[in-house]
Amino acid sequence: MATPYEDPGPTRAEVDAWTGPAVLEFGADWCGHCQGAQAQIAEALAASAGVRHVKVADGTGKPLGRSFAGPLWPTLVFLTDGNEVARVVRPTDADELRRALAALG
């Protein structure tokens, strides 16, 4: 996994104030599902210059992840101007992610 998950990462207030397109990826560095999804995530995001991608460590007591209610890892939340427009949980292919990226506008 090239980029580790940020801990603690941004606050919900910071995320809500973001402008433009963004992807929040919730997971854990030790998570096998997270590790397995990295190639598909990188492939989908490669063609999306200008989309902010922030990997945030999630788990018990992590307020940002709990505020987005991500039950499984990785959970990717696609945001436009701080508002959720799409979500992908445990992606299995890059096409699933590309469809969510298209929702960013």
PDB file of N, CA and C in Angstrom:
ATOM      1  N   MET A   1       0.858  -1.168   0.000  1.00  0.00           N
ATOM      2  CA  MET A   1       0.000   0.000   0.000  1.00  0.00           C
ATOM      3  C   MET A   1       0.904   1.230   0.000  1.00  0.00           C
ATOM      4  N   ALA A   2       0.870   1.993  -1.054  1.00  0.00           N
ATOM      5  CA  ALA A   2       1.802   3.099  -1.233  1.00  0.00           C
ATOM      6  C   ALA A   2       1.580   4.243  -0.243  1.00  0.00           C
ATOM      7  N   THR A   3       0.345   4.647  -0.058  1.00  0.00           N
ATOM      8  CA  THR A   3       0.047   5.761   0.833  1.00  0.00           C
ATOM      9  C   THR A   3      -0.712   5.237   2.042  1.00  0.00           C
ATOM     10  N   PRO A   4      -0.198   5.469   3.240  1.00  0.00           N
ATOM     11  CA  PRO A   4      -0.911   4.987   4.432  1.00  0.00           C
ATOM     12  C   PRO A   4      -2.174   5.800   4.702  1.00  0.00           C
ATOM     13  N   TYR A   5      -3.065   5.194   5.455  1.00  0.00           N
ATOM     14  CA  TYR A   5      -4.273   5.897   5.888  1.00  0.00           C
ATOM     15  C   TYR A   5      -3.890   6.923   6.951  1.00  0.00           C
ATOM     16  N   GLU A   6      -4.412   8.150   6.806  1.00  0.00           N
ATOM     17  CA  GLU A   6      -4.125   9.222   7.759  1.00  0.00           C
ATOM     18  C   GLU A   6      -4.822   8.946   9.084  1.00  0.00           C
ATOM     19  N   ASP A   7      -4.119   9.207  10.155  1.00  0.00           N
ATOM     20  CA  ASP A   7      -4.715   9.056  11.472  1.00  0.00           C
ATOM     21  C   ASP A   7      -4.251  10.225  12.328  1.00  0.00           C
ATOM     22  N   PRO A   8      -5.084  11.205  12.613  1.00  0.00           N
ATOM     23  CA  PRO A   8      -6.529  11.113  12.607  1.00  0.00           C
ATOM     24  C   PRO A   8      -7.211  11.531  11.306  1.00  0.00           C
ATOM     25  N   GLY A   9      -6.566  12.220  10.421  1.00  0.00           N
ATOM     26  CA  GLY A   9      -7.237  12.697   9.217  1.00  0.00           C
ATOM     27  C   GLY A   9      -8.008  13.969   9.500  1.00  0.00           C
ATOM     28  N   PRO A  10      -8.745  14.449   8.498  1.00  0.00           N
ATOM     29  CA  PRO A  10      -9.491  15.697   8.671  1.00  0.00           C
ATOM     30  C   PRO A  10     -10.691  15.503   9.598  1.00  0.00           C
ATOM     31  N   THR A  11     -11.229  16.615  10.064  1.00  0.00           N
ATOM     32  CA  THR A  11     -12.453  16.588  10.867  1.00  0.00           C
ATOM     33  C   THR A  11     -13.658  16.626   9.923  1.00  0.00           C
ATOM     34  N   ARG A  12     -14.811  16.319  10.457  1.00  0.00           N
ATOM     35  CA  ARG A  12     -16.030  16.380   9.634  1.00  0.00           C
ATOM     36  C   ARG A  12     -16.286  17.815   9.183  1.00  0.00           C
ATOM     37  N   ALA A  13     -16.019  18.781  10.048  1.00  0.00           N
ATOM     38  CA  ALA A  13     -16.222  20.188   9.678  1.00  0.00           C
ATOM     39  C   ALA A  13     -15.309  20.570   8.509  1.00  0.00           C
ATOM     40  N   GLU A  14     -14.076  20.079   8.515  1.00  0.00           N
ATOM     41  CA  GLU A  14     -13.152  20.361   7.405  1.00  0.00           C
ATOM     42  C   GLU A  14     -13.662  19.730   6.113  1.00  0.00           C
ATOM     43  N   VAL A  15     -14.099  18.486   6.186  1.00  0.00           N
ATOM     44  CA  VAL A  15     -14.609  17.793   5.002  1.00  0.00           C
ATOM     45  C   VAL A  15     -15.850  18.511   4.466  1.00  0.00           C
ATOM     46  N   ASP A  16     -16.755  18.880   5.338  1.00  0.00           N
ATOM     47  CA  ASP A  16     -17.977  19.571   4.913  1.00  0.00           C
ATOM     48  C   ASP A  16     -17.671  20.895   4.219  1.00  0.00           C
ATOM     49  N   ALA A  17     -16.531  21.513   4.537  1.00  0.00           N
ATOM     50  CA  ALA A  17     -16.151  22.801   3.951  1.00  0.00           C
ATOM     51  C   ALA A  17     -15.354  22.663   2.655  1.00  0.00           C
ATOM     52  N   TRP A  18     -14.967  21.448   2.280  1.00  0.00           N
ATOM     53  CA  TRP A  18     -14.206  21.261   1.043  1.00  0.00           C
ATOM     54  C   TRP A  18     -15.014  21.752  -0.150  1.00  0.00           C
ATOM     55  N   THR A  19     -14.295  22.292  -1.132  1.00  0.00           N
ATOM     56  CA  THR A  19     -14.916  22.663  -2.393  1.00  0.00           C
ATOM     57  C   THR A  19     -14.382  21.758  -3.479  1.00  0.00           C
ATOM     58  N   GLY A  20     -15.215  21.514  -4.467  1.00  0.00           N
ATOM     59  CA  GLY A  20     -14.823  20.672  -5.577  1.00  0.00           C
ATOM     60  C   GLY A  20     -14.993  19.193  -5.278  1.00  0.00           C
ATOM     61  N   PRO A  21     -14.486  18.349  -6.201  1.00  0.00           N
ATOM     62  CA  PRO A  21     -14.646  16.908  -6.060  1.00  0.00           C
ATOM     63  C   PRO A  21     -13.605  16.307  -5.119  1.00  0.00           C
ATOM     64  N   ALA A  22     -14.040  15.302  -4.360  1.00  0.00           N
ATOM     65  CA  ALA A  22     -13.135  14.632  -3.427  1.00  0.00           C
ATOM     66  C   ALA A  22     -13.605  13.193  -3.205  1.00  0.00           C
ATOM     67  N   VAL A  23     -12.644  12.354  -2.842  1.00  0.00           N
ATOM     68  CA  VAL A  23     -12.944  10.977  -2.470  1.00  0.00           C
ATOM     69  C   VAL A  23     -12.312  10.723  -1.113  1.00  0.00           C
ATOM     70  N   LEU A  24     -13.142  10.329  -0.151  1.00  0.00           N
ATOM     71  CA  LEU A  24     -12.666   9.905   1.162  1.00  0.00           C
ATOM     72  C   LEU A  24     -12.629   8.385   1.145  1.00  0.00           C
ATOM     73  N   GLU A  25     -11.486   7.830   1.447  1.00  0.00           N
ATOM     74  CA  GLU A  25     -11.342   6.374   1.499  1.00  0.00           C
ATOM     75  C   GLU A  25     -11.100   5.976   2.949  1.00  0.00           C
ATOM     76  N   PHE A  26     -12.031   5.234   3.510  1.00  0.00           N
ATOM     77  CA  PHE A  26     -11.909   4.770   4.888  1.00  0.00           C
ATOM     78  C   PHE A  26     -11.410   3.338   4.904  1.00  0.00           C
ATOM     79  N   GLY A  27     -10.436   3.060   5.787  1.00  0.00           N
ATOM     80  CA  GLY A  27      -9.898   1.711   5.897  1.00  0.00           C
ATOM     81  C   GLY A  27      -8.809   1.659   6.947  1.00  0.00           C
ATOM     82  N   ALA A  28      -7.973   0.641   6.823  1.00  0.00           N
ATOM     83  CA  ALA A  28      -6.850   0.457   7.750  1.00  0.00           C
ATOM     84  C   ALA A  28      -5.683  -0.143   6.977  1.00  0.00           C
ATOM     85  N   ASP A  29      -4.476   0.248   7.339  1.00  0.00           N
ATOM     86  CA  ASP A  29      -3.290  -0.239   6.630  1.00  0.00           C
ATOM     87  C   ASP A  29      -3.157  -1.756   6.682  1.00  0.00           C
ATOM     88  N   TRP A  30      -3.626  -2.379   7.750  1.00  0.00           N
ATOM     89  CA  TRP A  30      -3.487  -3.820   7.921  1.00  0.00           C
ATOM     90  C   TRP A  30      -4.624  -4.625   7.278  1.00  0.00           C
ATOM     91  N   CYS A  31      -5.641  -3.950   6.760  1.00  0.00           N
ATOM     92  CA  CYS A  31      -6.836  -4.592   6.204  1.00  0.00           C
ATOM     93  C   CYS A  31      -6.547  -5.225   4.840  1.00  0.00           C
ATOM     94  N   GLY A  32      -6.762  -6.513   4.737  1.00  0.00           N
ATOM     95  CA  GLY A  32      -6.535  -7.222   3.477  1.00  0.00           C
ATOM     96  C   GLY A  32      -7.429  -6.749   2.354  1.00  0.00           C
ATOM     97  N   HIS A  33      -8.692  -6.426   2.643  1.00  0.00           N
ATOM     98  CA  HIS A  33      -9.603  -5.911   1.609  1.00  0.00           C
ATOM     99  C   HIS A  33      -9.103  -4.565   1.098  1.00  0.00           C
ATOM    100  N   CYS A  34      -8.602  -3.735   2.015  1.00  0.00           N
ATOM    101  CA  CYS A  34      -8.074  -2.422   1.639  1.00  0.00           C
ATOM    102  C   CYS A  34      -6.846  -2.575   0.748  1.00  0.00           C
ATOM    103  N   GLN A  35      -5.955  -3.443   1.135  1.00  0.00           N
ATOM    104  CA  GLN A  35      -4.747  -3.694   0.351  1.00  0.00           C
ATOM    105  C   GLN A  35      -5.107  -4.225  -1.030  1.00  0.00           C
ATOM    106  N   GLY A  36      -6.067  -5.141  -1.075  1.00  0.00           N
ATOM    107  CA  GLY A  36      -6.468  -5.741  -2.342  1.00  0.00           C
ATOM    108  C   GLY A  36      -7.152  -4.780  -3.300  1.00  0.00           C
ATOM    109  N   ALA A  37      -7.746  -3.726  -2.789  1.00  0.00           N
ATOM    110  CA  ALA A  37      -8.471  -2.768  -3.632  1.00  0.00           C
ATOM    111  C   ALA A  37      -7.591  -1.651  -4.167  1.00  0.00           C
ATOM    112  N   GLN A  38      -6.364  -1.520  -3.679  1.00  0.00           N
ATOM    113  CA  GLN A  38      -5.536  -0.369  -4.037  1.00  0.00           C
ATOM    114  C   GLN A  38      -5.262  -0.245  -5.528  1.00  0.00           C
ATOM    115  N   ALA A  39      -5.048  -1.344  -6.228  1.00  0.00           N
ATOM    116  CA  ALA A  39      -4.767  -1.267  -7.668  1.00  0.00           C
ATOM    117  C   ALA A  39      -5.972  -0.725  -8.431  1.00  0.00           C
ATOM    118  N   GLN A  40      -7.181  -1.191  -8.087  1.00  0.00           N
ATOM    119  CA  GLN A  40      -8.390  -0.714  -8.766  1.00  0.00           C
ATOM    120  C   GLN A  40      -8.646   0.757  -8.444  1.00  0.00           C
ATOM    121  N   ILE A  41      -8.417   1.140  -7.203  1.00  0.00           N
ATOM    122  CA  ILE A  41      -8.620   2.543  -6.811  1.00  0.00           C
ATOM    123  C   ILE A  41      -7.648   3.436  -7.573  1.00  0.00           C
ATOM    124  N   ALA A  42      -6.387   3.046  -7.612  1.00  0.00           N
ATOM    125  CA  ALA A  42      -5.376   3.836  -8.321  1.00  0.00           C
ATOM    126  C   ALA A  42      -5.704   3.934  -9.808  1.00  0.00           C
ATOM    127  N   GLU A  43      -6.150   2.827 -10.408  1.00  0.00           N
ATOM    128  CA  GLU A  43      -6.495   2.821 -11.831  1.00  0.00           C
ATOM    129  C   GLU A  43      -7.639   3.787 -12.116  1.00  0.00           C
ATOM    130  N   ALA A  44      -8.681   3.746 -11.291  1.00  0.00           N
ATOM    131  CA  ALA A  44      -9.838   4.621 -11.510  1.00  0.00           C
ATOM    132  C   ALA A  44      -9.484   6.092 -11.303  1.00  0.00           C
ATOM    133  N   LEU A  45      -8.690   6.374 -10.289  1.00  0.00           N
ATOM    134  CA  LEU A  45      -8.343   7.766  -9.989  1.00  0.00           C
ATOM    135  C   LEU A  45      -7.314   8.349 -10.947  1.00  0.00           C
ATOM    136  N   ALA A  46      -6.566   7.500 -11.643  1.00  0.00           N
ATOM    137  CA  ALA A  46      -5.516   7.977 -12.550  1.00  0.00           C
ATOM    138  C   ALA A  46      -6.068   8.917 -13.619  1.00  0.00           C
ATOM    139  N   ALA A  47      -7.277   8.680 -14.048  1.00  0.00           N
ATOM    140  CA  ALA A  47      -7.879   9.506 -15.097  1.00  0.00           C
ATOM    141  C   ALA A  47      -8.719  10.645 -14.520  1.00  0.00           C
ATOM    142  N   SER A  48      -8.597  10.891 -13.238  1.00  0.00           N
ATOM    143  CA  SER A  48      -9.424  11.907 -12.581  1.00  0.00           C
ATOM    144  C   SER A  48      -8.567  12.973 -11.914  1.00  0.00           C
ATOM    145  N   ALA A  49      -7.776  13.640 -12.711  1.00  0.00           N
ATOM    146  CA  ALA A  49      -6.940  14.718 -12.186  1.00  0.00           C
ATOM    147  C   ALA A  49      -7.834  15.781 -11.557  1.00  0.00           C
ATOM    148  N   GLY A  50      -7.395  16.326 -10.462  1.00  0.00           N
ATOM    149  CA  GLY A  50      -8.156  17.362  -9.796  1.00  0.00           C
ATOM    150  C   GLY A  50      -9.120  16.856  -8.737  1.00  0.00           C
ATOM    151  N   VAL A  51      -9.228  15.525  -8.600  1.00  0.00           N
ATOM    152  CA  VAL A  51     -10.084  14.964  -7.554  1.00  0.00           C
ATOM    153  C   VAL A  51      -9.218  14.709  -6.326  1.00  0.00           C
ATOM    154  N   ARG A  52      -9.575  15.334  -5.244  1.00  0.00           N
ATOM    155  CA  ARG A  52      -8.849  15.128  -3.983  1.00  0.00           C
ATOM    156  C   ARG A  52      -9.142  13.724  -3.480  1.00  0.00           C
ATOM    157  N   HIS A  53      -8.092  12.979  -3.122  1.00  0.00           N
ATOM    158  CA  HIS A  53      -8.241  11.623  -2.584  1.00  0.00           C
ATOM    159  C   HIS A  53      -7.557  11.588  -1.222  1.00  0.00           C
ATOM    160  N   VAL A  54      -8.351  11.348  -0.184  1.00  0.00           N
ATOM    161  CA  VAL A  54      -7.828  11.330   1.176  1.00  0.00           C
ATOM    162  C   VAL A  54      -8.154   9.978   1.793  1.00  0.00           C
ATOM    163  N   LYS A  55      -7.107   9.281   2.219  1.00  0.00           N
ATOM    164  CA  LYS A  55      -7.260   7.985   2.883  1.00  0.00           C
ATOM    165  C   LYS A  55      -7.244   8.228   4.390  1.00  0.00           C
ATOM    166  N   VAL A  56      -8.310   7.784   5.067  1.00  0.00           N
ATOM    167  CA  VAL A  56      -8.471   8.052   6.495  1.00  0.00           C
ATOM    168  C   VAL A  56      -8.606   6.748   7.258  1.00  0.00           C
ATOM    169  N   ALA A  57      -7.795   6.595   8.298  1.00  0.00           N
ATOM    170  CA  ALA A  57      -7.889   5.420   9.162  1.00  0.00           C
ATOM    171  C   ALA A  57      -9.240   5.417   9.851  1.00  0.00           C
ATOM    172  N   ASP A  58      -9.881   4.253   9.839  1.00  0.00           N
ATOM    173  CA  ASP A  58     -11.200   4.124  10.436  1.00  0.00           C
ATOM    174  C   ASP A  58     -11.167   3.055  11.509  1.00  0.00           C
ATOM    175  N   GLY A  59     -12.177   3.047  12.346  1.00  0.00           N
ATOM    176  CA  GLY A  59     -12.298   2.058  13.402  1.00  0.00           C
ATOM    177  C   GLY A  59     -13.041   2.638  14.588  1.00  0.00           C
ATOM    178  N   THR A  60     -13.132   1.853  15.619  1.00  0.00           N
ATOM    179  CA  THR A  60     -13.821   2.279  16.835  1.00  0.00           C
ATOM    180  C   THR A  60     -13.219   3.576  17.357  1.00  0.00           C
ATOM    181  N   GLY A  61     -14.070   4.516  17.665  1.00  0.00           N
ATOM    182  CA  GLY A  61     -13.613   5.783  18.222  1.00  0.00           C
ATOM    183  C   GLY A  61     -13.095   6.781  17.204  1.00  0.00           C
ATOM    184  N   LYS A  62     -13.230   6.486  15.920  1.00  0.00           N
ATOM    185  CA  LYS A  62     -12.791   7.404  14.867  1.00  0.00           C
ATOM    186  C   LYS A  62     -14.002   8.208  14.403  1.00  0.00           C
ATOM    187  N   PRO A  63     -14.121   9.470  14.823  1.00  0.00           N
ATOM    188  CA  PRO A  63     -15.349  10.224  14.583  1.00  0.00           C
ATOM    189  C   PRO A  63     -15.685  10.468  13.115  1.00  0.00           C
ATOM    190  N   LEU A  64     -14.698  10.692  12.255  1.00  0.00           N
ATOM    191  CA  LEU A  64     -15.025  10.974  10.859  1.00  0.00           C
ATOM    192  C   LEU A  64     -15.649   9.745  10.204  1.00  0.00           C
ATOM    193  N   GLY A  65     -15.029   8.600  10.382  1.00  0.00           N
ATOM    194  CA  GLY A  65     -15.580   7.377   9.816  1.00  0.00           C
ATOM    195  C   GLY A  65     -16.961   7.061  10.359  1.00  0.00           C
ATOM    196  N   ARG A  66     -17.160   7.268  11.646  1.00  0.00           N
ATOM    197  CA  ARG A  66     -18.469   6.994  12.246  1.00  0.00           C
ATOM    198  C   ARG A  66     -19.511   7.959  11.691  1.00  0.00           C
ATOM    199  N   SER A  67     -19.122   9.204  11.392  1.00  0.00           N
ATOM    200  CA  SER A  67     -20.086  10.174  10.878  1.00  0.00           C
ATOM    201  C   SER A  67     -20.560   9.796   9.473  1.00  0.00           C
ATOM    202  N   PHE A  68     -19.740   9.047   8.737  1.00  0.00           N
ATOM    203  CA  PHE A  68     -20.128   8.575   7.406  1.00  0.00           C
ATOM    204  C   PHE A  68     -20.679   7.156   7.443  1.00  0.00           C
ATOM    205  N   ALA A  69     -20.674   6.524   8.606  1.00  0.00           N
ATOM    206  CA  ALA A  69     -21.267   5.200   8.807  1.00  0.00           C
ATOM    207  C   ALA A  69     -20.781   4.173   7.785  1.00  0.00           C
ATOM    208  N   GLY A  70     -19.471   4.061   7.648  1.00  0.00           N
ATOM    209  CA  GLY A  70     -18.910   3.060   6.752  1.00  0.00           C
ATOM    210  C   GLY A  70     -18.763   1.725   7.453  1.00  0.00           C
ATOM    211  N   PRO A  71     -19.606   0.737   7.124  1.00  0.00           N
ATOM    212  CA  PRO A  71     -19.594  -0.524   7.859  1.00  0.00           C
ATOM    213  C   PRO A  71     -18.452  -1.464   7.499  1.00  0.00           C
ATOM    214  N   LEU A  72     -17.995  -1.413   6.267  1.00  0.00           N
ATOM    215  CA  LEU A  72     -16.941  -2.322   5.803  1.00  0.00           C
ATOM    216  C   LEU A  72     -15.818  -1.514   5.177  1.00  0.00           C
ATOM    217  N   TRP A  73     -14.638  -2.087   5.155  1.00  0.00           N
ATOM    218  CA  TRP A  73     -13.475  -1.418   4.545  1.00  0.00           C
ATOM    219  C   TRP A  73     -13.073  -2.133   3.277  1.00  0.00           C
ATOM    220  N   PRO A  74     -12.530  -1.424   2.337  1.00  0.00           N
ATOM    221  CA  PRO A  74     -12.555   0.031   2.272  1.00  0.00           C
ATOM    222  C   PRO A  74     -13.934   0.541   1.858  1.00  0.00           C
ATOM    223  N   THR A  75     -14.282   1.671   2.397  1.00  0.00           N
ATOM    224  CA  THR A  75     -15.478   2.400   1.969  1.00  0.00           C
ATOM    225  C   THR A  75     -14.988   3.708   1.369  1.00  0.00           C
ATOM    226  N   LEU A  76     -15.410   3.971   0.131  1.00  0.00           N
ATOM    227  CA  LEU A  76     -15.043   5.209  -0.553  1.00  0.00           C
ATOM    228  C   LEU A  76     -16.283   6.075  -0.674  1.00  0.00           C
ATOM    229  N   VAL A  77     -16.182   7.300  -0.170  1.00  0.00           N
ATOM    230  CA  VAL A  77     -17.275   8.260  -0.209  1.00  0.00           C
ATOM    231  C   VAL A  77     -16.875   9.347  -1.196  1.00  0.00           C
ATOM    232  N   PHE A  78     -17.722   9.561  -2.202  1.00  0.00           N
ATOM    233  CA  PHE A  78     -17.453  10.526  -3.264  1.00  0.00           C
ATOM    234  C   PHE A  78     -18.237  11.796  -2.946  1.00  0.00           C
ATOM    235  N   LEU A  79     -17.524  12.916  -2.886  1.00  0.00           N
ATOM    236  CA  LEU A  79     -18.103  14.181  -2.432  1.00  0.00           C
ATOM    237  C   LEU A  79     -17.938  15.277  -3.478  1.00  0.00           C
ATOM    238  N   THR A  80     -18.942  16.104  -3.582  1.00  0.00           N
ATOM    239  CA  THR A  80     -18.850  17.342  -4.344  1.00  0.00           C
ATOM    240  C   THR A  80     -19.191  18.474  -3.388  1.00  0.00           C
ATOM    241  N   ASP A  81     -18.257  19.380  -3.215  1.00  0.00           N
ATOM    242  CA  ASP A  81     -18.435  20.506  -2.287  1.00  0.00           C
ATOM    243  C   ASP A  81     -18.868  20.031  -0.903  1.00  0.00           C
ATOM    244  N   GLY A  82     -18.252  18.948  -0.434  1.00  0.00           N
ATOM    245  CA  GLY A  82     -18.506  18.433   0.906  1.00  0.00           C
ATOM    246  C   GLY A  82     -19.757  17.594   1.060  1.00  0.00           C
ATOM    247  N   ASN A  83     -20.498  17.401  -0.031  1.00  0.00           N
ATOM    248  CA  ASN A  83     -21.741  16.628   0.018  1.00  0.00           C
ATOM    249  C   ASN A  83     -21.566  15.281  -0.679  1.00  0.00           C
ATOM    250  N   GLU A  84     -22.026  14.218  -0.037  1.00  0.00           N
ATOM    251  CA  GLU A  84     -21.904  12.874  -0.608  1.00  0.00           C
ATOM    252  C   GLU A  84     -22.800  12.731  -1.831  1.00  0.00           C
ATOM    253  N   VAL A  85     -22.196  12.249  -2.933  1.00  0.00           N
ATOM    254  CA  VAL A  85     -22.949  12.011  -4.161  1.00  0.00           C
ATOM    255  C   VAL A  85     -22.913  10.541  -4.574  1.00  0.00           C
ATOM    256  N   ALA A  86     -21.979   9.779  -4.035  1.00  0.00           N
ATOM    257  CA  ALA A  86     -21.887   8.348  -4.343  1.00  0.00           C
ATOM    258  C   ALA A  86     -21.041   7.679  -3.275  1.00  0.00           C
ATOM    259  N   ARG A  87     -21.157   6.340  -3.235  1.00  0.00           N
ATOM    260  CA  ARG A  87     -20.400   5.555  -2.259  1.00  0.00           C
ATOM    261  C   ARG A  87     -20.132   4.175  -2.859  1.00  0.00           C
ATOM    262  N   VAL A  88     -18.923   3.674  -2.634  1.00  0.00           N
ATOM    263  CA  VAL A  88     -18.562   2.327  -3.065  1.00  0.00           C
ATOM    264  C   VAL A  88     -17.926   1.624  -1.872  1.00  0.00           C
ATOM    265  N   VAL A  89     -18.438   0.441  -1.572  1.00  0.00           N
ATOM    266  CA  VAL A  89     -17.930  -0.352  -0.460  1.00  0.00           C
ATOM    267  C   VAL A  89     -17.259  -1.603  -1.028  1.00  0.00           C
ATOM    268  N   ARG A  90     -16.034  -1.844  -0.595  1.00  0.00           N
ATOM    269  CA  ARG A  90     -15.235  -2.987  -1.049  1.00  0.00           C
ATOM    270  C   ARG A  90     -15.285  -3.151  -2.576  1.00  0.00           C
ATOM    271  N   PRO A  91     -14.711  -2.188  -3.283  1.00  0.00           N
ATOM    272  CA  PRO A  91     -14.750  -2.262  -4.750  1.00  0.00           C
ATOM    273  C   PRO A  91     -14.034  -3.508  -5.258  1.00  0.00           C
ATOM    274  N   THR A  92     -14.598  -4.060  -6.323  1.00  0.00           N
ATOM    275  CA  THR A  92     -14.000  -5.252  -6.927  1.00  0.00           C
ATOM    276  C   THR A  92     -13.411  -4.980  -8.298  1.00  0.00           C
ATOM    277  N   ASP A  93     -13.770  -3.843  -8.899  1.00  0.00           N
ATOM    278  CA  ASP A  93     -13.164  -3.490 -10.184  1.00  0.00           C
ATOM    279  C   ASP A  93     -13.167  -1.977 -10.365  1.00  0.00           C
ATOM    280  N   ALA A  94     -12.318  -1.524 -11.264  1.00  0.00           N
ATOM    281  CA  ALA A  94     -12.164  -0.086 -11.485  1.00  0.00           C
ATOM    282  C   ALA A  94     -13.409   0.529 -12.112  1.00  0.00           C
ATOM    283  N   ASP A  95     -14.188  -0.240 -12.874  1.00  0.00           N
ATOM    284  CA  ASP A  95     -15.394   0.309 -13.506  1.00  0.00           C
ATOM    285  C   ASP A  95     -16.402   0.785 -12.468  1.00  0.00           C
ATOM    286  N   GLU A  96     -16.550   0.048 -11.395  1.00  0.00           N
ATOM    287  CA  GLU A  96     -17.445   0.437 -10.307  1.00  0.00           C
ATOM    288  C   GLU A  96     -17.035   1.799  -9.746  1.00  0.00           C
ATOM    289  N   LEU A  97     -15.741   2.002  -9.621  1.00  0.00           N
ATOM    290  CA  LEU A  97     -15.214   3.258  -9.113  1.00  0.00           C
ATOM    291  C   LEU A  97     -15.369   4.388 -10.135  1.00  0.00           C
ATOM    292  N   ARG A  98     -15.174   4.065 -11.402  1.00  0.00           N
ATOM    293  CA  ARG A  98     -15.343   5.082 -12.448  1.00  0.00           C
ATOM    294  C   ARG A  98     -16.785   5.593 -12.490  1.00  0.00           C
ATOM    295  N   ARG A  99     -17.756   4.704 -12.310  1.00  0.00           N
ATOM    296  CA  ARG A  99     -19.147   5.136 -12.276  1.00  0.00           C
ATOM    297  C   ARG A  99     -19.393   6.111 -11.120  1.00  0.00           C
ATOM    298  N   ALA A 100     -18.814   5.830  -9.979  1.00  0.00           N
ATOM    299  CA  ALA A 100     -18.953   6.729  -8.834  1.00  0.00           C
ATOM    300  C   ALA A 100     -18.242   8.059  -9.104  1.00  0.00           C
ATOM    301  N   LEU A 101     -17.079   8.003  -9.722  1.00  0.00           N
ATOM    302  CA  LEU A 101     -16.368   9.233 -10.065  1.00  0.00           C
ATOM    303  C   LEU A 101     -17.172  10.097 -11.022  1.00  0.00           C
ATOM    304  N   ALA A 102     -17.929   9.455 -11.927  1.00  0.00           N
ATOM    305  CA  ALA A 102     -18.755  10.198 -12.871  1.00  0.00           C
ATOM    306  C   ALA A 102     -19.833  11.012 -12.141  1.00  0.00           C
ATOM    307  N   ALA A 103     -20.260  10.548 -10.972  1.00  0.00           N
ATOM    308  CA  ALA A 103     -21.275  11.267 -10.201  1.00  0.00           C
ATOM    309  C   ALA A 103     -20.747  12.580  -9.637  1.00  0.00           C
ATOM    310  N   LEU A 104     -19.424  12.739  -9.634  1.00  0.00           N
ATOM    311  CA  LEU A 104     -18.831  13.978  -9.120  1.00  0.00           C
ATOM    312  C   LEU A 104     -19.096  15.155 -10.036  1.00  0.00           C
ATOM    313  N   GLY A 105     -19.481  14.866 -11.284  1.00  0.00           N
ATOM    314  CA  GLY A 105     -19.831  15.928 -12.219  1.00  0.00           C
ATOM    315  C   GLY A 105     -18.737  16.395 -13.084  1.00  0.00           C
TER     316      GLY A 105
END
